[in-house]
Amino acid sequence: MAEFVAVAKVGDIPPGEARTYPVGGKLVAVFRVGDEYHAINDLCPHMGASLATGWVEGNAVTCPWHAWRFCITDGLWLDNPKSKIRTDVYEVRVVGNDIEIRVPEPAQSPP
């Protein structure tokens, strides 16, 4: 069963910005939009740039290397929504003063 891990404190991430945290062996970008937090895989699926260092506008982040845009709520590649390209999304919750991310289940190999 997946568990949550605290990665930051409320207020550590300025509004409209993101920070990167290691979670379950992956780098996760945690974004703050207003008083809400969203988390996606930090690595752009195109060339591996850090999405946390990209430009955030509303619920979209623009990759700093090649300007690919991703939705921070569902991971969809916004430049071609009909594409199947997306990045992983992680569940976020705030408990007290802690921002927590659900650790992803390890991938299971087929029998």
Foldseek 3Di string as FASTA:
>chain_A
DWDKDFFDFQPPADAQAWDWGDFQNFIKIWHHHPRDIWIWGQADPPHGAGQRPFGGDHQWTAGPPPRFIAGRHCQAGVVDNVDPDGTGTWDWDQDPGTIITTHDDDDDDDD
